[in-house]
Amino acid sequence: MPNIAPRLKRGYAMPRQRSAALVIAAMLAFLPMRAAWPAVQAGEVLAESGQCFLESGGQRSALKIGDAVHVGDKVEVPDGARLKLRMSDGSVLSAASGTTMTISGYDVDSAAQRRDARLSLASGLLRAVVSSFGGTSHFEVDTATGVAAVRSTDWFIEAFPTATQVGVLSGVVSLSRIGSTRAEDIPARWGARVEAGRAPVPPRVWTHAEFESVIDRTNVN
């Protein structure tokens, strides 16, 4: 009588091998679909003066009013131009001439219970009117030398090659050096500065002229 055990064993293994191959193929087919998903929209262009630009996915394009900005996009405001963005949580960002900023993250859930906004300011001056938020909120702007974190306030942050300067119109902003947990809380009508590799200097009262200067530089007609 012929021995059929090996054939039965092979016949039993083949369906399992085919099933495993189908599972792997399905997983591989799913990966490109995820990679093709669009980036999260973080806001839109509310106003601009002069021509501003957006760098997204390696492509650079001119911005116009109503254009969307997404997480991962880099916004460029050349000399002589100004830009205003309305973000998905209602916050408004106004960028002065010579500003370059990347939207590192902007996650706001549909129930408005959590906000996680992270901006990277490479150069220039930014005014952020951060909307009030009922849930858990984290709104942070980092530069080469410092990190500023707020909840809801109206404030300014300027990035220099070796320093970061913050001025607060309303609310409170926490300013720390990159890589440090030590922070200075800056109250309304005050300002502070952090130099590269140093702790922030104690806050001081800003003059009317200092606030007028940064307001004028970020005003978009």
N, C-alpha and C. Protein backbone atom coordinates (compact mmCIF):
# COMPACT_ATOMS: atom_id res chain seq x y z
N MET A 1 0.85 -1.20 0.00
CA MET A 1 0.00 0.00 0.00
C MET A 1 0.88 1.24 0.00
N PRO A 2 0.67 2.18 -0.90
CA PRO A 2 1.55 3.35 -0.98
C PRO A 2 1.41 4.23 0.24
N ASN A 3 2.51 4.85 0.57
CA ASN A 3 2.54 5.75 1.74
C ASN A 3 2.04 7.13 1.31
N ILE A 4 0.88 7.52 1.83
CA ILE A 4 0.30 8.81 1.43
C ILE A 4 0.48 9.88 2.50
N ALA A 5 1.12 9.51 3.60
CA ALA A 5 1.29 10.47 4.69
C ALA A 5 2.03 11.73 4.26
N PRO A 6 3.16 11.61 3.52
CA PRO A 6 3.85 12.84 3.11
C PRO A 6 2.97 13.74 2.25
N ARG A 7 2.18 13.09 1.35
CA ARG A 7 1.34 13.92 0.50
C ARG A 7 0.26 14.62 1.31
N LEU A 8 -0.29 13.91 2.31
CA LEU A 8 -1.28 14.54 3.16
C LEU A 8 -0.69 15.69 3.95
N LYS A 9 0.54 15.51 4.40
CA LYS A 9 1.20 16.56 5.18
C LYS A 9 1.44 17.79 4.32
N ARG A 10 1.92 17.53 3.05
CA ARG A 10 2.15 18.66 2.16
C ARG A 10 0.82 19.34 1.81
N GLY A 11 -0.20 18.56 1.58
CA GLY A 11 -1.49 19.12 1.24
C GLY A 11 -2.08 19.94 2.36
N TYR A 12 -1.78 19.58 3.61
CA TYR A 12 -2.27 20.32 4.76
C TYR A 12 -1.51 21.63 4.94
N ALA A 13 -0.21 21.62 4.60
CA ALA A 13 0.61 22.80 4.83
C ALA A 13 0.35 23.89 3.79
N MET A 14 0.02 23.51 2.57
CA MET A 14 -0.11 24.49 1.50
C MET A 14 -1.18 25.55 1.79
N PRO A 15 -2.37 25.18 2.27
CA PRO A 15 -3.35 26.23 2.56
C PRO A 15 -2.87 27.22 3.60
N ARG A 16 -2.13 26.73 4.63
CA ARG A 16 -1.62 27.62 5.65
C ARG A 16 -0.59 28.57 5.07
N GLN A 17 0.27 28.07 4.17
CA GLN A 17 1.27 28.92 3.54
C GLN A 17 0.60 29.98 2.67
N ARG A 18 -0.43 29.56 1.92
CA ARG A 18 -1.15 30.52 1.08
C ARG A 18 -1.83 31.58 1.93
N SER A 19 -2.41 31.17 3.06
CA SER A 19 -3.07 32.13 3.94
C SER A 19 -2.09 33.15 4.48
N ALA A 20 -0.92 32.68 4.89
CA ALA A 20 0.10 33.60 5.41
C ALA A 20 0.55 34.57 4.33
N ALA A 21 0.72 34.06 3.09
CA ALA A 21 1.14 34.93 1.99
C ALA A 21 0.09 35.98 1.69
N LEU A 22 -1.18 35.60 1.77
CA LEU A 22 -2.25 36.57 1.53
C LEU A 22 -2.27 37.66 2.58
N VAL A 23 -2.01 37.27 3.83
CA VAL A 23 -1.99 38.26 4.91
C VAL A 23 -0.86 39.25 4.71
N ILE A 24 0.33 38.76 4.37
CA ILE A 24 1.49 39.62 4.14
C ILE A 24 1.24 40.56 2.96
N ALA A 25 0.66 40.00 1.88
CA ALA A 25 0.37 40.83 0.71
C ALA A 25 -0.62 41.94 1.05
N ALA A 26 -1.61 41.61 1.87
CA ALA A 26 -2.60 42.62 2.25
C ALA A 26 -1.95 43.73 3.07
N MET A 27 -1.03 43.33 3.98
CA MET A 27 -0.33 44.32 4.80
C MET A 27 0.53 45.23 3.94
N LEU A 28 1.24 44.65 2.99
CA LEU A 28 2.10 45.45 2.10
C LEU A 28 1.27 46.39 1.23
N ALA A 29 0.09 45.91 0.80
CA ALA A 29 -0.76 46.75 -0.02
C ALA A 29 -1.33 47.91 0.78
N PHE A 30 -1.47 47.72 2.10
CA PHE A 30 -2.06 48.75 2.94
C PHE A 30 -1.09 49.88 3.24
N LEU A 31 0.22 49.59 3.28
CA LEU A 31 1.21 50.61 3.62
C LEU A 31 1.21 51.79 2.66
N PRO A 32 1.23 51.60 1.34
CA PRO A 32 1.19 52.75 0.45
C PRO A 32 -0.07 53.60 0.60
N MET A 33 -1.20 52.93 0.96
CA MET A 33 -2.43 53.67 1.15
C MET A 33 -2.29 54.64 2.31
N ARG A 34 -1.63 54.20 3.42
CA ARG A 34 -1.45 55.08 4.56
C ARG A 34 -0.51 56.21 4.21
N ALA A 35 0.55 55.92 3.45
CA ALA A 35 1.51 56.95 3.09
C ALA A 35 0.88 58.00 2.20
N ALA A 36 -0.17 57.60 1.46
CA ALA A 36 -0.80 58.53 0.54
C ALA A 36 -1.85 59.40 1.20
N TRP A 37 -2.18 59.13 2.47
CA TRP A 37 -3.18 59.93 3.14
C TRP A 37 -2.71 61.37 3.22
N PRO A 38 -3.62 62.35 3.05
CA PRO A 38 -3.22 63.75 3.09
C PRO A 38 -2.82 64.18 4.50
N ALA A 39 -1.95 65.19 4.57
CA ALA A 39 -1.53 65.73 5.85
C ALA A 39 -2.70 66.44 6.52
N VAL A 40 -2.63 66.55 7.83
CA VAL A 40 -3.69 67.19 8.59
C VAL A 40 -3.69 68.69 8.33
N GLN A 41 -4.86 69.24 7.99
CA GLN A 41 -4.96 70.68 7.79
C GLN A 41 -4.88 71.37 9.14
N ALA A 42 -4.00 72.38 9.22
CA ALA A 42 -3.80 73.11 10.47
C ALA A 42 -4.46 74.47 10.46
N GLY A 43 -4.71 75.03 9.28
CA GLY A 43 -5.31 76.36 9.20
C GLY A 43 -5.40 76.82 7.76
N GLU A 44 -5.59 78.15 7.60
CA GLU A 44 -5.69 78.71 6.26
C GLU A 44 -5.19 80.15 6.28
N VAL A 45 -4.88 80.65 5.09
CA VAL A 45 -4.39 82.02 4.95
C VAL A 45 -5.56 82.98 5.11
N LEU A 46 -5.46 83.87 6.09
CA LEU A 46 -6.50 84.84 6.36
C LEU A 46 -6.24 86.16 5.64
N ALA A 47 -4.98 86.57 5.58
CA ALA A 47 -4.61 87.81 4.90
C ALA A 47 -3.11 87.79 4.63
N GLU A 48 -2.69 88.55 3.64
CA GLU A 48 -1.27 88.69 3.37
C GLU A 48 -0.99 90.03 2.71
N SER A 49 0.22 90.50 2.92
CA SER A 49 0.70 91.72 2.28
C SER A 49 2.00 91.37 1.60
N GLY A 50 2.06 91.49 0.27
CA GLY A 50 3.22 90.99 -0.46
C GLY A 50 3.06 89.50 -0.72
N GLN A 51 3.99 88.92 -1.44
CA GLN A 51 3.90 87.50 -1.81
C GLN A 51 4.62 86.62 -0.80
N CYS A 52 3.86 85.70 -0.20
CA CYS A 52 4.41 84.72 0.74
C CYS A 52 4.39 83.34 0.08
N PHE A 53 5.14 82.40 0.69
CA PHE A 53 5.32 81.10 0.06
C PHE A 53 5.13 79.96 1.06
N LEU A 54 4.84 78.80 0.49
CA LEU A 54 4.65 77.58 1.27
C LEU A 54 5.53 76.49 0.68
N GLU A 55 6.26 75.81 1.55
CA GLU A 55 7.04 74.64 1.12
C GLU A 55 6.40 73.40 1.72
N SER A 56 5.93 72.51 0.85
CA SER A 56 5.22 71.31 1.30
C SER A 56 5.63 70.13 0.43
N GLY A 57 6.09 69.07 1.06
CA GLY A 57 6.48 67.88 0.31
C GLY A 57 7.57 68.13 -0.71
N GLY A 58 8.46 69.06 -0.41
CA GLY A 58 9.56 69.37 -1.32
C GLY A 58 9.19 70.34 -2.43
N GLN A 59 7.92 70.78 -2.46
CA GLN A 59 7.47 71.71 -3.48
C GLN A 59 7.22 73.09 -2.87
N ARG A 60 7.66 74.14 -3.55
CA ARG A 60 7.48 75.51 -3.07
C ARG A 60 6.45 76.21 -3.96
N SER A 61 5.45 76.82 -3.32
CA SER A 61 4.39 77.47 -4.09
C SER A 61 4.01 78.78 -3.43
N ALA A 62 3.43 79.69 -4.24
CA ALA A 62 2.98 80.98 -3.74
C ALA A 62 1.66 80.81 -2.99
N LEU A 63 1.51 81.55 -1.89
CA LEU A 63 0.29 81.49 -1.10
C LEU A 63 -0.69 82.58 -1.53
N LYS A 64 -1.97 82.27 -1.37
CA LYS A 64 -3.01 83.28 -1.58
C LYS A 64 -4.08 83.11 -0.51
N ILE A 65 -4.89 84.13 -0.33
CA ILE A 65 -5.92 84.10 0.71
C ILE A 65 -6.85 82.90 0.50
N GLY A 66 -7.11 82.18 1.57
CA GLY A 66 -7.96 81.00 1.51
C GLY A 66 -7.21 79.69 1.36
N ASP A 67 -5.91 79.75 1.02
CA ASP A 67 -5.12 78.53 0.89
C ASP A 67 -4.97 77.83 2.24
N ALA A 68 -5.01 76.50 2.20
CA ALA A 68 -4.84 75.71 3.42
C ALA A 68 -3.36 75.53 3.75
N VAL A 69 -3.05 75.45 5.03
CA VAL A 69 -1.72 75.07 5.49
C VAL A 69 -1.87 73.81 6.32
N HIS A 70 -0.89 72.91 6.22
CA HIS A 70 -0.99 71.60 6.84
C HIS A 70 0.18 71.34 7.78
N VAL A 71 0.00 70.35 8.62
CA VAL A 71 1.08 69.92 9.49
C VAL A 71 2.27 69.47 8.64
N GLY A 72 3.45 69.97 8.96
CA GLY A 72 4.65 69.67 8.19
C GLY A 72 5.03 70.74 7.20
N ASP A 73 4.12 71.67 6.92
CA ASP A 73 4.40 72.75 5.96
C ASP A 73 5.34 73.79 6.56
N LYS A 74 6.17 74.37 5.71
CA LYS A 74 7.02 75.49 6.10
C LYS A 74 6.51 76.74 5.41
N VAL A 75 6.27 77.78 6.19
CA VAL A 75 5.76 79.04 5.69
C VAL A 75 6.91 80.05 5.62
N GLU A 76 7.04 80.71 4.46
CA GLU A 76 8.10 81.69 4.27
C GLU A 76 7.49 83.05 3.98
N VAL A 77 7.89 84.04 4.78
CA VAL A 77 7.43 85.42 4.61
C VAL A 77 8.66 86.26 4.26
N PRO A 78 8.88 86.54 2.98
CA PRO A 78 10.09 87.25 2.57
C PRO A 78 10.13 88.69 3.09
N ASP A 79 11.27 89.32 2.95
CA ASP A 79 11.41 90.73 3.32
C ASP A 79 10.39 91.56 2.55
N GLY A 80 9.70 92.42 3.28
CA GLY A 80 8.69 93.28 2.67
C GLY A 80 7.30 92.70 2.66
N ALA A 81 7.14 91.42 3.03
CA ALA A 81 5.83 90.78 3.05
C ALA A 81 5.38 90.52 4.48
N ARG A 82 4.09 90.24 4.66
CA ARG A 82 3.51 89.88 5.95
C ARG A 82 2.39 88.87 5.71
N LEU A 83 2.09 88.07 6.73
CA LEU A 83 1.12 86.99 6.55
C LEU A 83 0.32 86.77 7.83
N LYS A 84 -0.98 86.47 7.64
CA LYS A 84 -1.84 86.15 8.78
C LYS A 84 -2.54 84.82 8.50
N LEU A 85 -2.49 83.91 9.47
CA LEU A 85 -3.12 82.60 9.37
C LEU A 85 -4.19 82.45 10.44
N ARG A 86 -5.31 81.84 10.06
CA ARG A 86 -6.31 81.43 11.04
C ARG A 86 -6.21 79.92 11.19
N MET A 87 -5.93 79.47 12.41
CA MET A 87 -5.70 78.06 12.64
C MET A 87 -7.01 77.32 12.93
N SER A 88 -6.94 76.00 12.95
CA SER A 88 -8.14 75.18 13.07
C SER A 88 -8.84 75.33 14.41
N ASP A 89 -8.15 75.84 15.45
CA ASP A 89 -8.75 76.03 16.76
C ASP A 89 -9.22 77.47 16.97
N GLY A 90 -9.11 78.30 15.93
CA GLY A 90 -9.51 79.69 16.03
C GLY A 90 -8.39 80.64 16.39
N SER A 91 -7.22 80.12 16.71
CA SER A 91 -6.07 80.98 16.99
C SER A 91 -5.64 81.70 15.71
N VAL A 92 -5.04 82.89 15.87
CA VAL A 92 -4.59 83.67 14.73
C VAL A 92 -3.09 83.94 14.87
N LEU A 93 -2.34 83.63 13.82
CA LEU A 93 -0.90 83.85 13.79
C LEU A 93 -0.58 84.91 12.76
N SER A 94 0.19 85.91 13.16
CA SER A 94 0.59 86.99 12.26
C SER A 94 2.12 87.01 12.19
N ALA A 95 2.64 86.85 10.98
CA ALA A 95 4.09 86.75 10.79
C ALA A 95 4.62 88.02 10.14
N ALA A 96 5.68 88.56 10.72
CA ALA A 96 6.30 89.78 10.21
C ALA A 96 7.21 89.45 9.02
N SER A 97 7.65 90.49 8.36
CA SER A 97 8.61 90.36 7.26
C SER A 97 9.85 89.60 7.72
N GLY A 98 10.33 88.69 6.87
CA GLY A 98 11.54 87.94 7.18
C GLY A 98 11.33 86.74 8.09
N THR A 99 10.10 86.25 8.18
CA THR A 99 9.78 85.13 9.08
C THR A 99 9.73 83.81 8.32
N THR A 100 10.31 82.78 8.93
CA THR A 100 10.20 81.41 8.42
C THR A 100 9.74 80.52 9.56
N MET A 101 8.64 79.80 9.35
CA MET A 101 8.03 79.00 10.40
C MET A 101 7.56 77.67 9.84
N THR A 102 7.73 76.61 10.63
CA THR A 102 7.24 75.30 10.26
C THR A 102 6.14 74.87 11.22
N ILE A 103 5.04 74.34 10.68
CA ILE A 103 3.96 73.83 11.52
C ILE A 103 4.31 72.38 11.87
N SER A 104 4.95 72.19 13.01
CA SER A 104 5.43 70.87 13.40
C SER A 104 4.28 69.94 13.77
N GLY A 105 3.25 70.49 14.37
CA GLY A 105 2.09 69.69 14.75
C GLY A 105 0.92 70.58 15.09
N TYR A 106 -0.29 70.14 14.76
CA TYR A 106 -1.48 70.92 15.12
C TYR A 106 -2.66 69.96 15.23
N ASP A 107 -2.82 69.39 16.40
CA ASP A 107 -3.82 68.36 16.62
C ASP A 107 -4.92 68.91 17.53
N VAL A 108 -6.12 69.06 17.00
CA VAL A 108 -7.27 69.52 17.78
C VAL A 108 -8.40 68.52 17.55
N ASP A 109 -8.87 67.87 18.61
CA ASP A 109 -9.91 66.87 18.39
C ASP A 109 -11.26 67.54 18.13
N SER A 110 -12.17 66.79 17.53
CA SER A 110 -13.44 67.33 17.08
C SER A 110 -14.32 67.80 18.23
N ALA A 111 -14.11 67.24 19.42
CA ALA A 111 -14.91 67.63 20.58
C ALA A 111 -14.29 68.79 21.36
N ALA A 112 -13.17 69.32 20.84
CA ALA A 112 -12.47 70.44 21.47
C ALA A 112 -12.08 70.12 22.92
N GLN A 113 -11.66 68.88 23.14
CA GLN A 113 -11.22 68.49 24.47
C GLN A 113 -9.70 68.40 24.58
N ARG A 114 -9.02 68.48 23.44
CA ARG A 114 -7.55 68.37 23.49
C ARG A 114 -6.95 69.17 22.34
N ARG A 115 -5.92 69.96 22.67
CA ARG A 115 -5.19 70.71 21.65
C ARG A 115 -3.70 70.48 21.88
N ASP A 116 -3.00 70.14 20.80
CA ASP A 116 -1.55 69.97 20.85
C ASP A 116 -0.97 70.67 19.63
N ALA A 117 -0.53 71.91 19.82
CA ALA A 117 -0.02 72.73 18.72
C ALA A 117 1.46 72.99 18.94
N ARG A 118 2.25 72.72 17.91
CA ARG A 118 3.71 72.91 17.99
C ARG A 118 4.19 73.61 16.72
N LEU A 119 4.81 74.76 16.91
CA LEU A 119 5.35 75.54 15.81
C LEU A 119 6.85 75.70 16.01
N SER A 120 7.58 75.73 14.90
CA SER A 120 9.02 75.93 14.94
C SER A 120 9.36 77.20 14.19
N LEU A 121 9.86 78.19 14.91
CA LEU A 121 10.18 79.49 14.33
C LEU A 121 11.68 79.56 14.06
N ALA A 122 12.04 79.49 12.79
CA ALA A 122 13.46 79.50 12.42
C ALA A 122 14.03 80.91 12.45
N SER A 123 13.22 81.88 12.06
CA SER A 123 13.67 83.28 12.04
C SER A 123 12.45 84.18 12.00
N GLY A 124 12.64 85.44 12.41
CA GLY A 124 11.57 86.41 12.29
C GLY A 124 10.74 86.59 13.54
N LEU A 125 9.63 87.28 13.37
CA LEU A 125 8.74 87.68 14.46
C LEU A 125 7.34 87.15 14.22
N LEU A 126 6.76 86.56 15.26
CA LEU A 126 5.42 85.98 15.17
C LEU A 126 4.55 86.52 16.30
N ARG A 127 3.34 86.94 15.95
CA ARG A 127 2.34 87.26 16.96
C ARG A 127 1.31 86.13 16.98
N ALA A 128 1.03 85.62 18.17
CA ALA A 128 0.08 84.53 18.31
C ALA A 128 -1.04 84.94 19.25
N VAL A 129 -2.24 85.05 18.71
CA VAL A 129 -3.43 85.27 19.53
C VAL A 129 -4.06 83.89 19.71
N VAL A 130 -3.73 83.25 20.81
CA VAL A 130 -4.12 81.86 21.04
C VAL A 130 -5.52 81.81 21.64
N SER A 131 -6.41 81.08 21.02
CA SER A 131 -7.80 81.02 21.45
C SER A 131 -7.92 80.30 22.80
N SER A 132 -8.95 80.66 23.55
CA SER A 132 -9.23 79.96 24.80
C SER A 132 -9.69 78.54 24.47
N PHE A 133 -9.42 77.63 25.40
CA PHE A 133 -9.69 76.22 25.11
C PHE A 133 -10.15 75.55 26.39
N GLY A 134 -11.29 74.86 26.32
CA GLY A 134 -11.87 74.27 27.52
C GLY A 134 -11.18 73.00 27.98
N GLY A 135 -10.60 72.24 27.04
CA GLY A 135 -9.98 70.96 27.39
C GLY A 135 -8.50 71.08 27.66
N THR A 136 -7.81 69.97 27.54
CA THR A 136 -6.36 69.93 27.72
C THR A 136 -5.69 70.66 26.57
N SER A 137 -4.83 71.62 26.90
CA SER A 137 -4.23 72.45 25.86
C SER A 137 -2.71 72.51 26.01
N HIS A 138 -2.05 72.35 24.86
CA HIS A 138 -0.60 72.53 24.80
C HIS A 138 -0.31 73.30 23.52
N PHE A 139 0.21 74.53 23.68
CA PHE A 139 0.53 75.38 22.53
C PHE A 139 1.96 75.85 22.74
N GLU A 140 2.84 75.45 21.82
CA GLU A 140 4.28 75.66 22.03
C GLU A 140 4.94 76.16 20.75
N VAL A 141 5.85 77.12 20.92
CA VAL A 141 6.67 77.61 19.81
C VAL A 141 8.13 77.44 20.22
N ASP A 142 8.90 76.76 19.38
CA ASP A 142 10.32 76.60 19.68
C ASP A 142 11.17 77.31 18.64
N THR A 143 12.33 77.76 19.08
CA THR A 143 13.32 78.39 18.22
C THR A 143 14.64 77.64 18.41
N ALA A 144 15.70 78.17 17.83
CA ALA A 144 17.01 77.52 17.99
C ALA A 144 17.52 77.61 19.42
N THR A 145 17.02 78.57 20.19
CA THR A 145 17.57 78.79 21.53
C THR A 145 16.55 78.65 22.66
N GLY A 146 15.26 78.65 22.35
CA GLY A 146 14.28 78.64 23.44
C GLY A 146 12.97 77.98 23.06
N VAL A 147 12.15 77.75 24.10
CA VAL A 147 10.81 77.18 23.94
C VAL A 147 9.84 78.03 24.73
N ALA A 148 8.75 78.45 24.08
CA ALA A 148 7.72 79.24 24.75
C ALA A 148 6.41 78.45 24.70
N ALA A 149 5.76 78.32 25.86
CA ALA A 149 4.52 77.55 25.95
C ALA A 149 3.43 78.41 26.58
N VAL A 150 2.20 78.29 26.05
CA VAL A 150 1.08 79.10 26.53
C VAL A 150 -0.18 78.25 26.59
N ARG A 151 -1.22 78.81 27.20
CA ARG A 151 -2.53 78.18 27.15
C ARG A 151 -3.45 79.02 26.26
N SER A 152 -3.76 80.21 26.67
CA SER A 152 -4.52 81.13 25.81
C SER A 152 -4.05 82.54 26.15
N THR A 153 -3.53 83.24 25.16
CA THR A 153 -2.96 84.55 25.41
C THR A 153 -2.69 85.26 24.09
N ASP A 154 -2.29 86.51 24.18
CA ASP A 154 -1.89 87.32 23.02
C ASP A 154 -0.44 87.71 23.26
N TRP A 155 0.45 87.24 22.42
CA TRP A 155 1.87 87.41 22.70
C TRP A 155 2.71 87.43 21.44
N PHE A 156 3.98 87.78 21.60
CA PHE A 156 4.93 87.88 20.50
C PHE A 156 6.17 87.04 20.82
N ILE A 157 6.73 86.44 19.77
CA ILE A 157 8.00 85.74 19.92
C ILE A 157 8.86 86.05 18.70
N GLU A 158 10.12 86.40 18.97
CA GLU A 158 11.04 86.75 17.89
C GLU A 158 12.28 85.89 18.00
N ALA A 159 12.68 85.30 16.88
CA ALA A 159 13.85 84.42 16.83
C ALA A 159 15.03 85.15 16.20
N PHE A 160 16.11 85.27 16.95
CA PHE A 160 17.37 85.79 16.45
C PHE A 160 18.34 84.61 16.30
N PRO A 161 19.48 84.81 15.62
CA PRO A 161 20.42 83.70 15.46
C PRO A 161 20.89 83.09 16.78
N THR A 162 21.06 83.90 17.82
CA THR A 162 21.59 83.38 19.09
C THR A 162 20.70 83.72 20.28
N ALA A 163 19.47 84.10 20.05
CA ALA A 163 18.59 84.47 21.16
C ALA A 163 17.12 84.39 20.75
N THR A 164 16.25 84.37 21.76
CA THR A 164 14.80 84.39 21.56
C THR A 164 14.21 85.43 22.50
N GLN A 165 13.29 86.23 21.99
CA GLN A 165 12.67 87.27 22.79
C GLN A 165 11.15 87.10 22.77
N VAL A 166 10.53 87.28 23.94
CA VAL A 166 9.09 87.11 24.08
C VAL A 166 8.50 88.34 24.77
N GLY A 167 7.37 88.82 24.25
CA GLY A 167 6.61 89.88 24.89
C GLY A 167 5.16 89.45 25.00
N VAL A 168 4.51 89.76 26.12
CA VAL A 168 3.16 89.26 26.38
C VAL A 168 2.19 90.43 26.53
N LEU A 169 1.17 90.46 25.70
CA LEU A 169 0.12 91.48 25.82
C LEU A 169 -0.93 91.08 26.86
N SER A 170 -1.34 89.82 26.84
CA SER A 170 -2.30 89.32 27.83
C SER A 170 -2.01 87.86 28.12
N GLY A 171 -2.37 87.42 29.33
CA GLY A 171 -2.10 86.05 29.70
C GLY A 171 -0.71 85.87 30.26
N VAL A 172 -0.23 84.64 30.24
CA VAL A 172 1.09 84.29 30.77
C VAL A 172 1.78 83.35 29.79
N VAL A 173 3.08 83.58 29.55
CA VAL A 173 3.87 82.72 28.68
C VAL A 173 5.04 82.18 29.48
N SER A 174 5.31 80.89 29.33
CA SER A 174 6.45 80.24 29.98
C SER A 174 7.59 80.12 28.98
N LEU A 175 8.77 80.67 29.32
CA LEU A 175 9.92 80.66 28.43
C LEU A 175 11.07 79.90 29.06
N SER A 176 11.64 78.95 28.31
CA SER A 176 12.76 78.16 28.80
C SER A 176 13.82 78.03 27.72
N ARG A 177 15.02 77.65 28.16
CA ARG A 177 16.10 77.40 27.24
C ARG A 177 15.92 76.01 26.63
N ILE A 178 16.35 75.84 25.40
CA ILE A 178 16.29 74.52 24.75
C ILE A 178 17.02 73.49 25.61
N GLY A 179 16.36 72.38 25.86
CA GLY A 179 16.97 71.30 26.62
C GLY A 179 16.92 71.48 28.12
N SER A 180 16.20 72.50 28.61
CA SER A 180 16.14 72.75 30.05
C SER A 180 14.69 72.78 30.51
N THR A 181 14.46 72.37 31.76
CA THR A 181 13.12 72.42 32.33
C THR A 181 12.90 73.69 33.15
N ARG A 182 13.94 74.46 33.35
CA ARG A 182 13.81 75.71 34.11
C ARG A 182 13.17 76.77 33.21
N ALA A 183 12.09 77.36 33.68
CA ALA A 183 11.35 78.33 32.86
C ALA A 183 11.05 79.59 33.66
N GLU A 184 10.88 80.67 32.93
CA GLU A 184 10.43 81.93 33.49
C GLU A 184 9.01 82.19 33.01
N ASP A 185 8.11 82.48 33.94
CA ASP A 185 6.74 82.86 33.58
C ASP A 185 6.69 84.36 33.34
N ILE A 186 6.20 84.74 32.17
CA ILE A 186 6.15 86.15 31.78
C ILE A 186 4.70 86.61 31.83
N PRO A 187 4.36 87.55 32.70
CA PRO A 187 2.98 88.02 32.80
C PRO A 187 2.65 89.07 31.74
N ALA A 188 1.42 89.49 31.71
CA ALA A 188 0.96 90.49 30.75
C ALA A 188 1.72 91.80 30.91
N ARG A 189 2.05 92.40 29.77
CA ARG A 189 2.77 93.67 29.66
C ARG A 189 4.24 93.56 30.03
N TRP A 190 4.73 92.35 30.13
CA TRP A 190 6.14 92.11 30.44
C TRP A 190 6.78 91.36 29.27
N GLY A 191 8.11 91.27 29.30
CA GLY A 191 8.85 90.54 28.29
C GLY A 191 10.09 89.91 28.88
N ALA A 192 10.69 88.96 28.15
CA ALA A 192 11.91 88.30 28.61
C ALA A 192 12.69 87.81 27.39
N ARG A 193 13.91 87.37 27.65
CA ARG A 193 14.82 86.97 26.59
C ARG A 193 15.65 85.78 27.06
N VAL A 194 15.97 84.87 26.14
CA VAL A 194 16.86 83.76 26.47
C VAL A 194 17.96 83.69 25.42
N GLU A 195 19.21 83.67 25.90
CA GLU A 195 20.37 83.57 25.02
C GLU A 195 20.75 82.11 24.84
N ALA A 196 21.45 81.81 23.77
CA ALA A 196 21.88 80.44 23.49
C ALA A 196 22.72 79.90 24.65
N GLY A 197 22.32 78.75 25.18
CA GLY A 197 23.09 78.09 26.22
C GLY A 197 22.96 78.69 27.60
N ARG A 198 22.06 79.66 27.77
CA ARG A 198 21.88 80.31 29.06
C ARG A 198 20.43 80.23 29.51
N ALA A 199 20.23 80.40 30.81
CA ALA A 199 18.87 80.44 31.35
C ALA A 199 18.22 81.76 30.95
N PRO A 200 16.88 81.80 30.86
CA PRO A 200 16.21 83.06 30.52
C PRO A 200 16.52 84.15 31.55
N VAL A 201 16.63 85.36 31.07
CA VAL A 201 16.81 86.49 31.99
C VAL A 201 15.46 86.75 32.68
N PRO A 202 15.47 87.30 33.87
CA PRO A 202 14.20 87.60 34.56
C PRO A 202 13.34 88.54 33.72
N PRO A 203 12.03 88.34 33.72
CA PRO A 203 11.14 89.22 32.96
C PRO A 203 11.21 90.66 33.46
N ARG A 204 10.87 91.58 32.56
CA ARG A 204 10.80 93.00 32.92
C ARG A 204 9.59 93.61 32.22
N VAL A 205 9.16 94.75 32.70
CA VAL A 205 8.05 95.46 32.08
C VAL A 205 8.51 96.02 30.73
N TRP A 206 7.73 95.74 29.70
CA TRP A 206 8.02 96.30 28.38
C TRP A 206 7.42 97.69 28.29
N THR A 207 8.10 98.55 27.57
CA THR A 207 7.60 99.90 27.36
C THR A 207 6.49 99.90 26.31
N HIS A 208 5.73 100.97 26.31
CA HIS A 208 4.70 101.14 25.29
C HIS A 208 5.31 101.12 23.90
N ALA A 209 6.49 101.74 23.76
CA ALA A 209 7.15 101.79 22.45
C ALA A 209 7.56 100.40 21.98
N GLU A 210 7.98 99.54 22.88
CA GLU A 210 8.37 98.17 22.50
C GLU A 210 7.18 97.39 21.97
N PHE A 211 6.05 97.50 22.64
CA PHE A 211 4.85 96.81 22.16
C PHE A 211 4.35 97.40 20.84
N GLU A 212 4.39 98.71 20.73
CA GLU A 212 3.95 99.34 19.49
C GLU A 212 4.80 98.88 18.30
N SER A 213 6.08 98.67 18.55
CA SER A 213 6.98 98.23 17.47
C SER A 213 6.60 96.84 16.95
N VAL A 214 6.40 95.89 17.85
CA VAL A 214 6.09 94.52 17.40
C VAL A 214 4.66 94.43 16.85
N ILE A 215 3.76 95.24 17.38
CA ILE A 215 2.39 95.27 16.83
C ILE A 215 2.41 95.79 15.40
N ASP A 216 3.17 96.85 15.18
CA ASP A 216 3.24 97.43 13.84
C ASP A 216 3.89 96.46 12.85
N ARG A 217 4.93 95.77 13.27
CA ARG A 217 5.64 94.85 12.37
C ARG A 217 4.80 93.64 11.98
N THR A 218 3.84 93.26 12.82
CA THR A 218 3.02 92.07 12.51
C THR A 218 1.62 92.44 12.02
N ASN A 219 1.35 93.72 11.86
CA ASN A 219 0.04 94.15 11.38
C ASN A 219 -0.06 93.89 9.88
N VAL A 220 -1.11 93.19 9.47
CA VAL A 220 -1.32 92.86 8.06
C VAL A 220 -2.52 93.65 7.57
N ASN A 221 -2.29 94.62 6.74
CA ASN A 221 -3.38 95.46 6.23
C ASN A 221 -4.20 94.71 5.18
